[in-house]
Each structure stands twice: as C-alpha cells, then as structure tokens.
Amino acid sequence: MLITVAVSTIIWLSVTYLTPAEDEAVLASFYRRVRPGGPGWAAVSEKLGFGREQIPGGALAWTNWVAGIVAVYSTLFGIGKLVFGEWGAGLILLIIATVAFAWIARSFRSEPPAPSAAMVAEDRIAAD
C-alpha cells in the first residue's frame, strides 16, 4: 500500500506540474455553474465579480466528509457482517451508518440553497 501511495503521488504531482494550466474561460464557466468557494477559488471568484465566497457548508464542512466516510464503510462492513451471520456487529455498524447519514442530511437541510441560474445571470449582468 505504501508503494502504491508513493508511486501514485509522484505520478499525479508530475502530471500536475508538467501539463499546461486549464484555460481561464473553462475555470470561469465551471465556477459559475458550481460556485465552489473557499480560498483556492478566490482569484477566479473575485475576477468574476462574486467576491470571496465561503466554502459551502461553512467551517465545519469537513465533518460531512468524515461522516460520509463513516457512513460508507459502516454500511459496507455492516452488510458484510449480516451476510456472514454476525447480527450484533452488523446491526451496530448499520446504526452507526444511519447516524452518519442523518448528520449529513441535517447539515444539508440547514445549508442555504445554492444560487439558481437566474441569480448567477443577474450577478453577471450586474458585474458588467
């Protein structure tokens, strides 16, 4: 596993630095559709007139990432345990998965809706 991680890291870093950067028009089009936010997109966001936007989900967005990993693996191993007749461990893992999925669902319910295409168009017109 360590060899695989090391080799794949060397390859993706090499490809990243040896290939040309993506065209700014492509980045701008992607940004308008997705609105990713965060410091990595600040230059594109400010150039398009959106200002510096926050990361969707706020500062605790990483908790959804962790909950997603827990949900996927708990579901996977929980079903595996049930298949092999280990009912107690399987049910516990599936309960953990349910809690993780509920955490993600709760955070999506509390997140403001993404801007619609009409709002993006209005922002673009206002910036011109």
C-alpha atoms as a PDB file:
ATOM      1  CA  MET A   1       0.000   0.000   0.000  1.00  0.00           C
ATOM      2  CA  LEU A   2       2.824   2.413   0.801  1.00  0.00           C
ATOM      3  CA  ILE A   3       4.400   1.763  -2.598  1.00  0.00           C
ATOM      4  CA  THR A   4       1.067   2.370  -4.337  1.00  0.00           C
ATOM      5  CA  VAL A   5       0.535   5.655  -2.465  1.00  0.00           C
ATOM      6  CA  ALA A   6       4.097   6.818  -3.153  1.00  0.00           C
ATOM      7  CA  VAL A   7       4.028   5.963  -6.863  1.00  0.00           C
ATOM      8  CA  SER A   8       0.572   7.437  -7.461  1.00  0.00           C
ATOM      9  CA  THR A   9       1.559  10.636  -5.616  1.00  0.00           C
ATOM     10  CA  ILE A  10       4.695  11.006  -7.736  1.00  0.00           C
ATOM     11  CA  ILE A  11       2.640  10.466 -10.902  1.00  0.00           C
ATOM     12  CA  TRP A  12      -0.155  12.936 -10.078  1.00  0.00           C
ATOM     13  CA  LEU A  13       2.321  15.602  -8.945  1.00  0.00           C
ATOM     14  CA  SER A  14       4.336  15.126 -12.154  1.00  0.00           C
ATOM     15  CA  VAL A  15       1.244  15.346 -14.347  1.00  0.00           C
ATOM     16  CA  THR A  16       0.015  18.413 -12.439  1.00  0.00           C
ATOM     17  CA  TYR A  17       3.246  20.354 -12.910  1.00  0.00           C
ATOM     18  CA  LEU A  18       4.179  19.120 -16.408  1.00  0.00           C
ATOM     19  CA  THR A  19       0.855  19.795 -18.154  1.00  0.00           C
ATOM     20  CA  PRO A  20      -0.433  23.271 -19.026  1.00  0.00           C
ATOM     21  CA  ALA A  21      -2.892  25.033 -16.731  1.00  0.00           C
ATOM     22  CA  GLU A  22      -6.575  24.978 -17.652  1.00  0.00           C
ATOM     23  CA  ASP A  23      -7.847  27.900 -19.716  1.00  0.00           C
ATOM     24  CA  GLU A  24      -9.344  30.741 -17.642  1.00  0.00           C
ATOM     25  CA  ALA A  25     -12.593  30.598 -19.629  1.00  0.00           C
ATOM     26  CA  VAL A  26     -13.056  26.951 -18.603  1.00  0.00           C
ATOM     27  CA  LEU A  27     -12.381  27.815 -14.948  1.00  0.00           C
ATOM     28  CA  ALA A  28     -14.830  30.715 -15.112  1.00  0.00           C
ATOM     29  CA  SER A  29     -17.533  28.544 -16.685  1.00  0.00           C
ATOM     30  CA  PHE A  30     -17.010  25.844 -14.049  1.00  0.00           C
ATOM     31  CA  TYR A  31     -17.092  28.406 -11.239  1.00  0.00           C
ATOM     32  CA  ARG A  32     -20.354  29.941 -12.442  1.00  0.00           C
ATOM     33  CA  ARG A  33     -22.031  26.518 -12.528  1.00  0.00           C
ATOM     34  CA  VAL A  34     -20.662  25.074  -9.276  1.00  0.00           C
ATOM     35  CA  ARG A  35     -19.704  28.097  -7.103  1.00  0.00           C
ATOM     36  CA  PRO A  36     -17.217  26.041  -5.014  1.00  0.00           C
ATOM     37  CA  GLY A  37     -16.000  28.839  -2.725  1.00  0.00           C
ATOM     38  CA  GLY A  38     -13.019  28.718  -0.414  1.00  0.00           C
ATOM     39  CA  PRO A  39      -9.530  30.187  -0.653  1.00  0.00           C
ATOM     40  CA  GLY A  40      -8.448  28.075  -3.620  1.00  0.00           C
ATOM     41  CA  TRP A  41     -11.088  29.692  -5.832  1.00  0.00           C
ATOM     42  CA  ALA A  42     -10.692  33.260  -4.513  1.00  0.00           C
ATOM     43  CA  ALA A  43      -8.835  34.559  -7.591  1.00  0.00           C
ATOM     44  CA  VAL A  44     -11.443  33.223 -10.027  1.00  0.00           C
ATOM     45  CA  SER A  45     -14.340  34.327  -7.819  1.00  0.00           C
ATOM     46  CA  GLU A  46     -13.036  37.868  -7.440  1.00  0.00           C
ATOM     47  CA  LYS A  47     -12.205  38.135 -11.149  1.00  0.00           C
ATOM     48  CA  LEU A  48     -15.818  37.201 -11.986  1.00  0.00           C
ATOM     49  CA  GLY A  49     -17.153  39.779  -9.537  1.00  0.00           C
ATOM     50  CA  PHE A  50     -18.597  37.391  -6.957  1.00  0.00           C
ATOM     51  CA  GLY A  51     -16.172  38.441  -4.243  1.00  0.00           C
ATOM     52  CA  ARG A  52     -14.651  35.975  -1.842  1.00  0.00           C
ATOM     53  CA  GLU A  53     -17.265  33.274  -1.230  1.00  0.00           C
ATOM     54  CA  GLN A  54     -17.342  30.905   1.715  1.00  0.00           C
ATOM     55  CA  ILE A  55     -16.939  27.141   1.432  1.00  0.00           C
ATOM     56  CA  PRO A  56     -20.374  25.535   1.043  1.00  0.00           C
ATOM     57  CA  GLY A  57     -21.308  24.102   4.430  1.00  0.00           C
ATOM     58  CA  GLY A  58     -19.160  26.568   6.334  1.00  0.00           C
ATOM     59  CA  ALA A  59     -16.152  25.932   8.511  1.00  0.00           C
ATOM     60  CA  LEU A  60     -17.474  22.554   9.639  1.00  0.00           C
ATOM     61  CA  ALA A  61     -17.891  21.153   6.111  1.00  0.00           C
ATOM     62  CA  TRP A  62     -15.104  18.681   6.897  1.00  0.00           C
ATOM     63  CA  THR A  63     -17.466  16.963   9.351  1.00  0.00           C
ATOM     64  CA  ASN A  64     -19.661  15.935   6.411  1.00  0.00           C
ATOM     65  CA  TRP A  65     -16.603  14.475   4.723  1.00  0.00           C
ATOM     66  CA  VAL A  66     -15.792  12.403   7.824  1.00  0.00           C
ATOM     67  CA  ALA A  67     -19.451  11.416   8.241  1.00  0.00           C
ATOM     68  CA  GLY A  68     -19.535  10.297   4.599  1.00  0.00           C
ATOM     69  CA  ILE A  69     -16.535   8.040   5.072  1.00  0.00           C
ATOM     70  CA  VAL A  70     -18.024   6.606   8.279  1.00  0.00           C
ATOM     71  CA  ALA A  71     -21.410   6.100   6.564  1.00  0.00           C
ATOM     72  CA  VAL A  72     -19.983   4.305   3.532  1.00  0.00           C
ATOM     73  CA  TYR A  73     -17.636   1.984   5.434  1.00  0.00           C
ATOM     74  CA  SER A  74     -20.128   1.271   8.225  1.00  0.00           C
ATOM     75  CA  THR A  75     -22.751   0.342   5.650  1.00  0.00           C
ATOM     76  CA  LEU A  76     -20.301  -1.804   3.705  1.00  0.00           C
ATOM     77  CA  PHE A  77     -18.966  -3.701   6.693  1.00  0.00           C
ATOM     78  CA  GLY A  78     -22.365  -3.814   8.405  1.00  0.00           C
ATOM     79  CA  ILE A  79     -23.944  -5.577   5.447  1.00  0.00           C
ATOM     80  CA  GLY A  80     -20.919  -7.880   5.253  1.00  0.00           C
ATOM     81  CA  LYS A  81     -21.325  -8.805   8.914  1.00  0.00           C
ATOM     82  CA  LEU A  82     -25.041  -9.534   8.374  1.00  0.00           C
ATOM     83  CA  VAL A  83     -24.239 -11.723   5.356  1.00  0.00           C
ATOM     84  CA  PHE A  84     -21.845 -13.782   7.474  1.00  0.00           C
ATOM     85  CA  GLY A  85     -24.337 -14.091  10.323  1.00  0.00           C
ATOM     86  CA  GLU A  86     -22.725 -11.698  12.797  1.00  0.00           C
ATOM     87  CA  TRP A  87     -26.025  -9.985  13.624  1.00  0.00           C
ATOM     88  CA  GLY A  88     -24.893  -7.900  16.603  1.00  0.00           C
ATOM     89  CA  ALA A  89     -21.856  -6.333  14.952  1.00  0.00           C
ATOM     90  CA  GLY A  90     -23.770  -5.870  11.695  1.00  0.00           C
ATOM     91  CA  LEU A  91     -26.642  -4.042  13.341  1.00  0.00           C
ATOM     92  CA  ILE A  92     -24.285  -1.813  15.348  1.00  0.00           C
ATOM     93  CA  LEU A  93     -22.408  -0.856  12.193  1.00  0.00           C
ATOM     94  CA  LEU A  94     -25.673  -0.117  10.370  1.00  0.00           C
ATOM     95  CA  ILE A  95     -26.851   2.055  13.270  1.00  0.00           C
ATOM     96  CA  ILE A  96     -23.556   3.975  13.084  1.00  0.00           C
ATOM     97  CA  ALA A  97     -24.103   4.393   9.332  1.00  0.00           C
ATOM     98  CA  THR A  98     -27.630   5.686   9.946  1.00  0.00           C
ATOM     99  CA  VAL A  99     -26.329   8.272  12.423  1.00  0.00           C
ATOM    100  CA  ALA A 100     -23.674   9.398   9.937  1.00  0.00           C
ATOM    101  CA  PHE A 101     -26.224   9.707   7.118  1.00  0.00           C
ATOM    102  CA  ALA A 102     -28.534  11.669   9.460  1.00  0.00           C
ATOM    103  CA  TRP A 103     -25.657  14.040  10.295  1.00  0.00           C
ATOM    104  CA  ILE A 104     -25.107  14.740   6.598  1.00  0.00           C
ATOM    105  CA  ALA A 105     -28.835  15.176   5.921  1.00  0.00           C
ATOM    106  CA  ARG A 106     -29.159  17.604   8.844  1.00  0.00           C
ATOM    107  CA  SER A 107     -26.324  19.759   7.571  1.00  0.00           C
ATOM    108  CA  PHE A 108     -27.836  19.868   4.074  1.00  0.00           C
ATOM    109  CA  ARG A 109     -31.200  20.953   5.476  1.00  0.00           C
ATOM    110  CA  SER A 110     -29.587  23.830   7.382  1.00  0.00           C
ATOM    111  CA  GLU A 111     -27.467  24.984   4.431  1.00  0.00           C
ATOM    112  CA  PRO A 112     -28.847  27.864   2.351  1.00  0.00           C
ATOM    113  CA  PRO A 113     -29.859  26.891  -1.183  1.00  0.00           C
ATOM    114  CA  ALA A 114     -27.319  27.199  -3.978  1.00  0.00           C
ATOM    115  CA  PRO A 115     -27.756  30.178  -6.280  1.00  0.00           C
ATOM    116  CA  SER A 116     -30.053  29.491  -9.199  1.00  0.00           C
ATOM    117  CA  ALA A 117     -29.018  30.024 -12.817  1.00  0.00           C
ATOM    118  CA  ALA A 118     -31.147  33.178 -12.877  1.00  0.00           C
ATOM    119  CA  MET A 119     -29.289  34.594  -9.860  1.00  0.00           C
ATOM    120  CA  VAL A 120     -25.945  33.812 -11.476  1.00  0.00           C
ATOM    121  CA  ALA A 121     -27.075  35.555 -14.665  1.00  0.00           C
ATOM    122  CA  GLU A 122     -28.190  38.607 -12.641  1.00  0.00           C
ATOM    123  CA  ASP A 123     -24.841  38.690 -10.856  1.00  0.00           C
ATOM    124  CA  ARG A 124     -23.040  38.521 -14.192  1.00  0.00           C
ATOM    125  CA  ILE A 125     -25.147  41.345 -15.648  1.00  0.00           C
ATOM    126  CA  ALA A 126     -24.591  43.451 -12.541  1.00  0.00           C
ATOM    127  CA  ALA A 127     -20.823  42.903 -12.805  1.00  0.00           C
ATOM    128  CA  ASP A 128     -20.778  44.107 -16.436  1.00  0.00           C
END
